[in-house]
Amino acid sequence: MTLRLSREKINYLSRIILNSLFENDQVEFLEESNEIRLSVVKSIEEELKLYNLIDKKAIEKIQSQKKPIEEGSREWEILYRKYYNEEISKLGKLLV
């Protein structure tokens, strides 16, 4: 379930975010707009890497079960959600 976005989609999202910020009168910019956009791009890429790592850990936990579990089965989906949420929870505790 790897999350992937093309470079074009990431750039498109960064422009939408930047435009939204420009429309907000409460936001003050201290950097050039392209520098801000590049920061948004970097943030999106880092988030995707993080969620892909969590995805990989959840899948590894499923594969480490004594009993083989068929990918796509109901049991696999339940375990995947459980392990994925556990990894997200661990991350949240690390960031606090």
PDB file of N, CA and C in Angstrom:
ATOM      1  N   MET A   1       0.824  -1.191   0.000  1.00  0.00           N
ATOM      2  CA  MET A   1       0.000   0.000   0.000  1.00  0.00           C
ATOM      3  C   MET A   1       0.866   1.251   0.000  1.00  0.00           C
ATOM      4  N   THR A   2       1.966   1.184  -0.673  1.00  0.00           N
ATOM      5  CA  THR A   2       2.903   2.288  -0.710  1.00  0.00           C
ATOM      6  C   THR A   2       2.253   3.536  -1.299  1.00  0.00           C
ATOM      7  N   LEU A   3       2.460   4.647  -0.603  1.00  0.00           N
ATOM      8  CA  LEU A   3       1.933   5.921  -1.078  1.00  0.00           C
ATOM      9  C   LEU A   3       2.933   6.541  -2.044  1.00  0.00           C
ATOM     10  N   ARG A   4       2.480   6.807  -3.226  1.00  0.00           N
ATOM     11  CA  ARG A   4       3.361   7.416  -4.221  1.00  0.00           C
ATOM     12  C   ARG A   4       2.643   8.558  -4.915  1.00  0.00           C
ATOM     13  N   LEU A   5       3.368   9.617  -5.081  1.00  0.00           N
ATOM     14  CA  LEU A   5       2.876  10.747  -5.867  1.00  0.00           C
ATOM     15  C   LEU A   5       3.987  11.125  -6.827  1.00  0.00           C
ATOM     16  N   SER A   6       3.611  11.431  -8.032  1.00  0.00           N
ATOM     17  CA  SER A   6       4.620  11.868  -8.999  1.00  0.00           C
ATOM     18  C   SER A   6       5.136  13.245  -8.586  1.00  0.00           C
ATOM     19  N   ARG A   7       6.268  13.586  -9.114  1.00  0.00           N
ATOM     20  CA  ARG A   7       6.860  14.905  -8.841  1.00  0.00           C
ATOM     21  C   ARG A   7       5.890  16.010  -9.270  1.00  0.00           C
ATOM     22  N   GLU A   8       5.205  15.790 -10.393  1.00  0.00           N
ATOM     23  CA  GLU A   8       4.244  16.780 -10.881  1.00  0.00           C
ATOM     24  C   GLU A   8       3.095  16.973  -9.896  1.00  0.00           C
ATOM     25  N   LYS A   9       2.595  15.867  -9.329  1.00  0.00           N
ATOM     26  CA  LYS A   9       1.489  15.970  -8.376  1.00  0.00           C
ATOM     27  C   LYS A   9       1.940  16.667  -7.095  1.00  0.00           C
ATOM     28  N   ILE A  10       3.143  16.359  -6.647  1.00  0.00           N
ATOM     29  CA  ILE A  10       3.663  17.020  -5.449  1.00  0.00           C
ATOM     30  C   ILE A  10       3.816  18.513  -5.705  1.00  0.00           C
ATOM     31  N   ASN A  11       4.335  18.887  -6.855  1.00  0.00           N
ATOM     32  CA  ASN A  11       4.469  20.302  -7.199  1.00  0.00           C
ATOM     33  C   ASN A  11       3.100  20.977  -7.298  1.00  0.00           C
ATOM     34  N   TYR A  12       2.138  20.282  -7.880  1.00  0.00           N
ATOM     35  CA  TYR A  12       0.782  20.811  -7.989  1.00  0.00           C
ATOM     36  C   TYR A  12       0.200  21.068  -6.600  1.00  0.00           C
ATOM     37  N   LEU A  13       0.334  20.080  -5.708  1.00  0.00           N
ATOM     38  CA  LEU A  13      -0.164  20.248  -4.335  1.00  0.00           C
ATOM     39  C   LEU A  13       0.531  21.398  -3.627  1.00  0.00           C
ATOM     40  N   SER A  14       1.826  21.533  -3.834  1.00  0.00           N
ATOM     41  CA  SER A  14       2.560  22.611  -3.172  1.00  0.00           C
ATOM     42  C   SER A  14       2.069  23.980  -3.651  1.00  0.00           C
ATOM     43  N   ARG A  15       1.731  24.097  -4.931  1.00  0.00           N
ATOM     44  CA  ARG A  15       1.206  25.365  -5.449  1.00  0.00           C
ATOM     45  C   ARG A  15      -0.176  25.662  -4.877  1.00  0.00           C
ATOM     46  N   ILE A  16      -0.996  24.630  -4.737  1.00  0.00           N
ATOM     47  CA  ILE A  16      -2.329  24.822  -4.149  1.00  0.00           C
ATOM     48  C   ILE A  16      -2.190  25.298  -2.706  1.00  0.00           C
ATOM     49  N   ILE A  17      -1.310  24.672  -1.950  1.00  0.00           N
ATOM     50  CA  ILE A  17      -1.090  25.058  -0.551  1.00  0.00           C
ATOM     51  C   ILE A  17      -0.572  26.489  -0.479  1.00  0.00           C
ATOM     52  N   LEU A  18       0.398  26.797  -1.306  1.00  0.00           N
ATOM     53  CA  LEU A  18       0.968  28.144  -1.310  1.00  0.00           C
ATOM     54  C   LEU A  18      -0.077  29.190  -1.676  1.00  0.00           C
ATOM     55  N   ASN A  19      -0.862  28.915  -2.702  1.00  0.00           N
ATOM     56  CA  ASN A  19      -1.925  29.849  -3.097  1.00  0.00           C
ATOM     57  C   ASN A  19      -2.939  30.041  -1.982  1.00  0.00           C
ATOM     58  N   SER A  20      -3.251  28.978  -1.285  1.00  0.00           N
ATOM     59  CA  SER A  20      -4.175  29.070  -0.163  1.00  0.00           C
ATOM     60  C   SER A  20      -3.598  29.951   0.944  1.00  0.00           C
ATOM     61  N   LEU A  21      -2.321  29.814   1.189  1.00  0.00           N
ATOM     62  CA  LEU A  21      -1.676  30.659   2.193  1.00  0.00           C
ATOM     63  C   LEU A  21      -1.656  32.123   1.763  1.00  0.00           C
ATOM     64  N   PHE A  22      -1.418  32.374   0.489  1.00  0.00           N
ATOM     65  CA  PHE A  22      -1.414  33.748  -0.025  1.00  0.00           C
ATOM     66  C   PHE A  22      -2.779  34.413   0.142  1.00  0.00           C
ATOM     67  N   GLU A  23      -3.843  33.636   0.049  1.00  0.00           N
ATOM     68  CA  GLU A  23      -5.188  34.182   0.170  1.00  0.00           C
ATOM     69  C   GLU A  23      -5.571  34.486   1.611  1.00  0.00           C
ATOM     70  N   ASN A  24      -4.810  33.974   2.552  1.00  0.00           N
ATOM     71  CA  ASN A  24      -5.095  34.178   3.969  1.00  0.00           C
ATOM     72  C   ASN A  24      -4.403  35.450   4.452  1.00  0.00           C
ATOM     73  N   ASP A  25      -5.194  36.429   4.861  1.00  0.00           N
ATOM     74  CA  ASP A  25      -4.643  37.714   5.312  1.00  0.00           C
ATOM     75  C   ASP A  25      -3.865  37.601   6.620  1.00  0.00           C
ATOM     76  N   GLN A  26      -4.062  36.522   7.345  1.00  0.00           N
ATOM     77  CA  GLN A  26      -3.383  36.353   8.624  1.00  0.00           C
ATOM     78  C   GLN A  26      -1.990  35.747   8.478  1.00  0.00           C
ATOM     79  N   VAL A  27      -1.615  35.367   7.270  1.00  0.00           N
ATOM     80  CA  VAL A  27      -0.312  34.757   7.027  1.00  0.00           C
ATOM     81  C   VAL A  27       0.639  35.809   6.487  1.00  0.00           C
ATOM     82  N   GLU A  28       1.792  35.906   7.120  1.00  0.00           N
ATOM     83  CA  GLU A  28       2.823  36.842   6.676  1.00  0.00           C
ATOM     84  C   GLU A  28       4.014  36.033   6.175  1.00  0.00           C
ATOM     85  N   PHE A  29       4.526  36.392   5.019  1.00  0.00           N
ATOM     86  CA  PHE A  29       5.633  35.659   4.416  1.00  0.00           C
ATOM     87  C   PHE A  29       6.954  36.380   4.665  1.00  0.00           C
ATOM     88  N   LEU A  30       7.921  35.604   5.143  1.00  0.00           N
ATOM     89  CA  LEU A  30       9.241  36.159   5.408  1.00  0.00           C
ATOM     90  C   LEU A  30      10.269  35.664   4.395  1.00  0.00           C
ATOM     91  N   GLU A  31       9.861  34.730   3.551  1.00  0.00           N
ATOM     92  CA  GLU A  31      10.730  34.165   2.518  1.00  0.00           C
ATOM     93  C   GLU A  31      10.090  34.364   1.147  1.00  0.00           C
ATOM     94  N   GLU A  32      10.902  34.151   0.122  1.00  0.00           N
ATOM     95  CA  GLU A  32      10.390  34.192  -1.250  1.00  0.00           C
ATOM     96  C   GLU A  32       9.385  33.062  -1.448  1.00  0.00           C
ATOM     97  N   SER A  33       8.399  33.291  -2.296  1.00  0.00           N
ATOM     98  CA  SER A  33       7.342  32.299  -2.495  1.00  0.00           C
ATOM     99  C   SER A  33       7.896  30.964  -2.992  1.00  0.00           C
ATOM    100  N   ASN A  34       8.902  30.981  -3.855  1.00  0.00           N
ATOM    101  CA  ASN A  34       9.450  29.717  -4.351  1.00  0.00           C
ATOM    102  C   ASN A  34      10.159  28.950  -3.236  1.00  0.00           C
ATOM    103  N   GLU A  35      10.806  29.647  -2.323  1.00  0.00           N
ATOM    104  CA  GLU A  35      11.460  28.986  -1.189  1.00  0.00           C
ATOM    105  C   GLU A  35      10.410  28.312  -0.302  1.00  0.00           C
ATOM    106  N   ILE A  36       9.305  28.978  -0.115  1.00  0.00           N
ATOM    107  CA  ILE A  36       8.218  28.413   0.689  1.00  0.00           C
ATOM    108  C   ILE A  36       7.647  27.187  -0.018  1.00  0.00           C
ATOM    109  N   ARG A  37       7.435  27.312  -1.318  1.00  0.00           N
ATOM    110  CA  ARG A  37       6.900  26.182  -2.097  1.00  0.00           C
ATOM    111  C   ARG A  37       7.836  24.995  -2.023  1.00  0.00           C
ATOM    112  N   LEU A  38       9.146  25.237  -2.134  1.00  0.00           N
ATOM    113  CA  LEU A  38      10.116  24.145  -2.052  1.00  0.00           C
ATOM    114  C   LEU A  38      10.094  23.493  -0.666  1.00  0.00           C
ATOM    115  N   SER A  39       9.857  24.282   0.354  1.00  0.00           N
ATOM    116  CA  SER A  39       9.723  23.746   1.713  1.00  0.00           C
ATOM    117  C   SER A  39       8.492  22.849   1.821  1.00  0.00           C
ATOM    118  N   VAL A  40       7.415  23.260   1.200  1.00  0.00           N
ATOM    119  CA  VAL A  40       6.191  22.456   1.194  1.00  0.00           C
ATOM    120  C   VAL A  40       6.446  21.146   0.450  1.00  0.00           C
ATOM    121  N   VAL A  41       7.129  21.216  -0.680  1.00  0.00           N
ATOM    122  CA  VAL A  41       7.469  20.011  -1.447  1.00  0.00           C
ATOM    123  C   VAL A  41       8.279  19.052  -0.576  1.00  0.00           C
ATOM    124  N   LYS A  42       9.280  19.572   0.092  1.00  0.00           N
ATOM    125  CA  LYS A  42      10.123  18.745   0.952  1.00  0.00           C
ATOM    126  C   LYS A  42       9.297  18.103   2.066  1.00  0.00           C
ATOM    127  N   SER A  43       8.388  18.858   2.659  1.00  0.00           N
ATOM    128  CA  SER A  43       7.535  18.333   3.724  1.00  0.00           C
ATOM    129  C   SER A  43       6.638  17.204   3.223  1.00  0.00           C
ATOM    130  N   ILE A  44       6.065  17.383   2.057  1.00  0.00           N
ATOM    131  CA  ILE A  44       5.214  16.344   1.469  1.00  0.00           C
ATOM    132  C   ILE A  44       6.033  15.082   1.221  1.00  0.00           C
ATOM    133  N   GLU A  45       7.210  15.243   0.654  1.00  0.00           N
ATOM    134  CA  GLU A  45       8.072  14.087   0.371  1.00  0.00           C
ATOM    135  C   GLU A  45       8.478  13.362   1.648  1.00  0.00           C
ATOM    136  N   GLU A  46       8.788  14.109   2.701  1.00  0.00           N
ATOM    137  CA  GLU A  46       9.170  13.497   3.976  1.00  0.00           C
ATOM    138  C   GLU A  46       7.998  12.738   4.592  1.00  0.00           C
ATOM    139  N   GLU A  47       6.806  13.307   4.502  1.00  0.00           N
ATOM    140  CA  GLU A  47       5.617  12.621   5.028  1.00  0.00           C
ATOM    141  C   GLU A  47       5.359  11.326   4.268  1.00  0.00           C
ATOM    142  N   LEU A  48       5.498  11.368   2.954  1.00  0.00           N
ATOM    143  CA  LEU A  48       5.291  10.150   2.158  1.00  0.00           C
ATOM    144  C   LEU A  48       6.302   9.079   2.544  1.00  0.00           C
ATOM    145  N   LYS A  49       7.553   9.466   2.747  1.00  0.00           N
ATOM    146  CA  LYS A  49       8.579   8.503   3.160  1.00  0.00           C
ATOM    147  C   LYS A  49       8.235   7.895   4.506  1.00  0.00           C
ATOM    148  N   LEU A  50       7.773   8.727   5.420  1.00  0.00           N
ATOM    149  CA  LEU A  50       7.417   8.255   6.751  1.00  0.00           C
ATOM    150  C   LEU A  50       6.271   7.249   6.684  1.00  0.00           C
ATOM    151  N   TYR A  51       5.213   7.577   5.956  1.00  0.00           N
ATOM    152  CA  TYR A  51       4.074   6.677   5.862  1.00  0.00           C
ATOM    153  C   TYR A  51       4.425   5.401   5.095  1.00  0.00           C
ATOM    154  N   ASN A  52       5.337   5.481   4.143  1.00  0.00           N
ATOM    155  CA  ASN A  52       5.791   4.274   3.454  1.00  0.00           C
ATOM    156  C   ASN A  52       6.593   3.377   4.394  1.00  0.00           C
ATOM    157  N   LEU A  53       7.384   3.979   5.270  1.00  0.00           N
ATOM    158  CA  LEU A  53       8.136   3.213   6.263  1.00  0.00           C
ATOM    159  C   LEU A  53       7.174   2.510   7.231  1.00  0.00           C
ATOM    160  N   ILE A  54       6.150   3.214   7.666  1.00  0.00           N
ATOM    161  CA  ILE A  54       5.146   2.629   8.563  1.00  0.00           C
ATOM    162  C   ILE A  54       4.426   1.483   7.854  1.00  0.00           C
ATOM    163  N   ASP A  55       4.097   1.677   6.595  1.00  0.00           N
ATOM    164  CA  ASP A  55       3.468   0.644   5.780  1.00  0.00           C
ATOM    165  C   ASP A  55       4.359  -0.598   5.736  1.00  0.00           C
ATOM    166  N   LYS A  56       5.622  -0.386   5.484  1.00  0.00           N
ATOM    167  CA  LYS A  56       6.579  -1.498   5.383  1.00  0.00           C
ATOM    168  C   LYS A  56       6.670  -2.260   6.713  1.00  0.00           C
ATOM    169  N   LYS A  57       6.707  -1.530   7.832  1.00  0.00           N
ATOM    170  CA  LYS A  57       6.772  -2.175   9.144  1.00  0.00           C
ATOM    171  C   LYS A  57       5.528  -3.013   9.409  1.00  0.00           C
ATOM    172  N   ALA A  58       4.361  -2.486   9.060  1.00  0.00           N
ATOM    173  CA  ALA A  58       3.112  -3.227   9.265  1.00  0.00           C
ATOM    174  C   ALA A  58       3.112  -4.513   8.449  1.00  0.00           C
ATOM    175  N   ILE A  59       3.558  -4.442   7.220  1.00  0.00           N
ATOM    176  CA  ILE A  59       3.605  -5.619   6.349  1.00  0.00           C
ATOM    177  C   ILE A  59       4.616  -6.632   6.886  1.00  0.00           C
ATOM    178  N   GLU A  60       5.755  -6.157   7.362  1.00  0.00           N
ATOM    179  CA  GLU A  60       6.761  -7.064   7.930  1.00  0.00           C
ATOM    180  C   GLU A  60       6.204  -7.813   9.137  1.00  0.00           C
ATOM    181  N   LYS A  61       5.417  -7.127   9.964  1.00  0.00           N
ATOM    182  CA  LYS A  61       4.812  -7.784  11.133  1.00  0.00           C
ATOM    183  C   LYS A  61       3.855  -8.887  10.691  1.00  0.00           C
ATOM    184  N   ILE A  62       3.087  -8.617   9.657  1.00  0.00           N
ATOM    185  CA  ILE A  62       2.150  -9.632   9.146  1.00  0.00           C
ATOM    186  C   ILE A  62       2.936 -10.827   8.614  1.00  0.00           C
ATOM    187  N   GLN A  63       3.995 -10.554   7.870  1.00  0.00           N
ATOM    188  CA  GLN A  63       4.788 -11.626   7.273  1.00  0.00           C
ATOM    189  C   GLN A  63       5.552 -12.438   8.314  1.00  0.00           C
ATOM    190  N   SER A  64       5.744 -11.871   9.498  1.00  0.00           N
ATOM    191  CA  SER A  64       6.483 -12.583  10.539  1.00  0.00           C
ATOM    192  C   SER A  64       5.593 -13.525  11.353  1.00  0.00           C
ATOM    193  N   GLN A  65       4.307 -13.558  11.053  1.00  0.00           N
ATOM    194  CA  GLN A  65       3.380 -14.457  11.758  1.00  0.00           C
ATOM    195  C   GLN A  65       3.764 -15.909  11.483  1.00  0.00           C
ATOM    196  N   LYS A  66       3.540 -16.771  12.467  1.00  0.00           N
ATOM    197  CA  LYS A  66       3.843 -18.199  12.286  1.00  0.00           C
ATOM    198  C   LYS A  66       3.001 -18.790  11.173  1.00  0.00           C
ATOM    199  N   LYS A  67       1.734 -18.419  11.169  1.00  0.00           N
ATOM    200  CA  LYS A  67       0.808 -18.912  10.149  1.00  0.00           C
ATOM    201  C   LYS A  67       0.828 -17.946   8.967  1.00  0.00           C
ATOM    202  N   PRO A  68       1.068 -18.450   7.755  1.00  0.00           N
ATOM    203  CA  PRO A  68       1.035 -17.545   6.592  1.00  0.00           C
ATOM    204  C   PRO A  68      -0.357 -16.931   6.419  1.00  0.00           C
ATOM    205  N   ILE A  69      -0.361 -15.646   6.157  1.00  0.00           N
ATOM    206  CA  ILE A  69      -1.628 -14.929   5.969  1.00  0.00           C
ATOM    207  C   ILE A  69      -1.635 -14.371   4.552  1.00  0.00           C
ATOM    208  N   GLU A  70      -2.653 -14.724   3.818  1.00  0.00           N
ATOM    209  CA  GLU A  70      -2.735 -14.324   2.415  1.00  0.00           C
ATOM    210  C   GLU A  70      -3.027 -12.830   2.296  1.00  0.00           C
ATOM    211  N   GLU A  71      -2.167 -12.140   1.558  1.00  0.00           N
ATOM    212  CA  GLU A  71      -2.371 -10.703   1.357  1.00  0.00           C
ATOM    213  C   GLU A  71      -3.700 -10.470   0.652  1.00  0.00           C
ATOM    214  N   GLY A  72      -4.433  -9.494   1.147  1.00  0.00           N
ATOM    215  CA  GLY A  72      -5.730  -9.169   0.571  1.00  0.00           C
ATOM    216  C   GLY A  72      -6.887  -9.855   1.279  1.00  0.00           C
ATOM    217  N   SER A  73      -6.557 -10.856   2.101  1.00  0.00           N
ATOM    218  CA  SER A  73      -7.625 -11.542   2.843  1.00  0.00           C
ATOM    219  C   SER A  73      -8.141 -10.626   3.944  1.00  0.00           C
ATOM    220  N   ARG A  74      -9.296 -10.961   4.466  1.00  0.00           N
ATOM    221  CA  ARG A  74      -9.882 -10.152   5.546  1.00  0.00           C
ATOM    222  C   ARG A  74      -8.951 -10.120   6.750  1.00  0.00           C
ATOM    223  N   GLU A  75      -8.367 -11.260   7.098  1.00  0.00           N
ATOM    224  CA  GLU A  75      -7.439 -11.329   8.229  1.00  0.00           C
ATOM    225  C   GLU A  75      -6.230 -10.422   7.993  1.00  0.00           C
ATOM    226  N   TRP A  76      -5.703 -10.444   6.769  1.00  0.00           N
ATOM    227  CA  TRP A  76      -4.543  -9.613   6.428  1.00  0.00           C
ATOM    228  C   TRP A  76      -4.898  -8.138   6.587  1.00  0.00           C
ATOM    229  N   GLU A  77      -6.062  -7.747   6.081  1.00  0.00           N
ATOM    230  CA  GLU A  77      -6.504  -6.352   6.162  1.00  0.00           C
ATOM    231  C   GLU A  77      -6.664  -5.902   7.611  1.00  0.00           C
ATOM    232  N   ILE A  78      -7.248  -6.764   8.446  1.00  0.00           N
ATOM    233  CA  ILE A  78      -7.442  -6.428   9.861  1.00  0.00           C
ATOM    234  C   ILE A  78      -6.092  -6.250  10.552  1.00  0.00           C
ATOM    235  N   LEU A  79      -5.184  -7.204  10.327  1.00  0.00           N
ATOM    236  CA  LEU A  79      -3.857  -7.110  10.937  1.00  0.00           C
ATOM    237  C   LEU A  79      -3.090  -5.901  10.419  1.00  0.00           C
ATOM    238  N   TYR A  80      -3.225  -5.642   9.129  1.00  0.00           N
ATOM    239  CA  TYR A  80      -2.525  -4.493   8.549  1.00  0.00           C
ATOM    240  C   TYR A  80      -2.973  -3.207   9.247  1.00  0.00           C
ATOM    241  N   ARG A  81      -4.289  -3.003   9.361  1.00  0.00           N
ATOM    242  CA  ARG A  81      -4.799  -1.792  10.027  1.00  0.00           C
ATOM    243  C   ARG A  81      -4.328  -1.716  11.470  1.00  0.00           C
ATOM    244  N   LYS A  82      -4.353  -2.855  12.151  1.00  0.00           N
ATOM    245  CA  LYS A  82      -3.928  -2.894  13.548  1.00  0.00           C
ATOM    246  C   LYS A  82      -2.454  -2.492  13.671  1.00  0.00           C
ATOM    247  N   TYR A  83      -1.594  -3.136  12.896  1.00  0.00           N
ATOM    248  CA  TYR A  83      -0.157  -2.857  12.988  1.00  0.00           C
ATOM    249  C   TYR A  83       0.183  -1.459  12.480  1.00  0.00           C
ATOM    250  N   TYR A  84      -0.499  -1.023  11.451  1.00  0.00           N
ATOM    251  CA  TYR A  84      -0.271   0.323  10.914  1.00  0.00           C
ATOM    252  C   TYR A  84      -0.617   1.360  11.980  1.00  0.00           C
ATOM    253  N   ASN A  85      -1.781   1.186  12.614  1.00  0.00           N
ATOM    254  CA  ASN A  85      -2.201   2.123  13.659  1.00  0.00           C
ATOM    255  C   ASN A  85      -1.266   2.080  14.861  1.00  0.00           C
ATOM    256  N   GLU A  86      -0.741   0.898  15.192  1.00  0.00           N
ATOM    257  CA  GLU A  86       0.229   0.792  16.284  1.00  0.00           C
ATOM    258  C   GLU A  86       1.481   1.605  15.969  1.00  0.00           C
ATOM    259  N   GLU A  87       1.957   1.504  14.746  1.00  0.00           N
ATOM    260  CA  GLU A  87       3.160   2.251  14.341  1.00  0.00           C
ATOM    261  C   GLU A  87       2.900   3.760  14.359  1.00  0.00           C
ATOM    262  N   ILE A  88       1.722   4.164  13.916  1.00  0.00           N
ATOM    263  CA  ILE A  88       1.342   5.583  13.959  1.00  0.00           C
ATOM    264  C   ILE A  88       1.307   6.058  15.408  1.00  0.00           C
ATOM    265  N   SER A  89       0.742   5.232  16.267  1.00  0.00           N
ATOM    266  CA  SER A  89       0.653   5.570  17.686  1.00  0.00           C
ATOM    267  C   SER A  89       2.045   5.717  18.305  1.00  0.00           C
ATOM    268  N   LYS A  90       2.942   4.795  17.985  1.00  0.00           N
ATOM    269  CA  LYS A  90       4.321   4.867  18.487  1.00  0.00           C
ATOM    270  C   LYS A  90       4.973   6.172  18.040  1.00  0.00           C
ATOM    271  N   LEU A  91       4.747   6.516  16.791  1.00  0.00           N
ATOM    272  CA  LEU A  91       5.321   7.749  16.242  1.00  0.00           C
ATOM    273  C   LEU A  91       4.797   8.959  16.998  1.00  0.00           C
ATOM    274  N   GLY A  92       3.506   8.986  17.267  1.00  0.00           N
ATOM    275  CA  GLY A  92       2.916  10.084  18.013  1.00  0.00           C
ATOM    276  C   GLY A  92       3.520  10.236  19.385  1.00  0.00           C
ATOM    277  N   LYS A  93       3.798   9.129  20.046  1.00  0.00           N
ATOM    278  CA  LYS A  93       4.400   9.163  21.372  1.00  0.00           C
ATOM    279  C   LYS A  93       5.833   9.662  21.311  1.00  0.00           C
ATOM    280  N   LEU A  94       6.525   9.340  20.223  1.00  0.00           N
ATOM    281  CA  LEU A  94       7.911   9.808  20.060  1.00  0.00           C
ATOM    282  C   LEU A  94       7.979  11.300  19.822  1.00  0.00           C
ATOM    283  N   LEU A  95       6.957  11.846  19.181  1.00  0.00           N
ATOM    284  CA  LEU A  95       6.969  13.267  18.833  1.00  0.00           C
ATOM    285  C   LEU A  95       6.527  14.175  19.966  1.00  0.00           C
ATOM    286  N   VAL A  96       5.912  13.600  20.998  1.00  0.00           N
ATOM    287  CA  VAL A  96       5.409  14.404  22.128  1.00  0.00           C
ATOM    288  C   VAL A  96       6.512  14.705  23.099  1.00  0.00           C
TER     289      VAL A  96
END
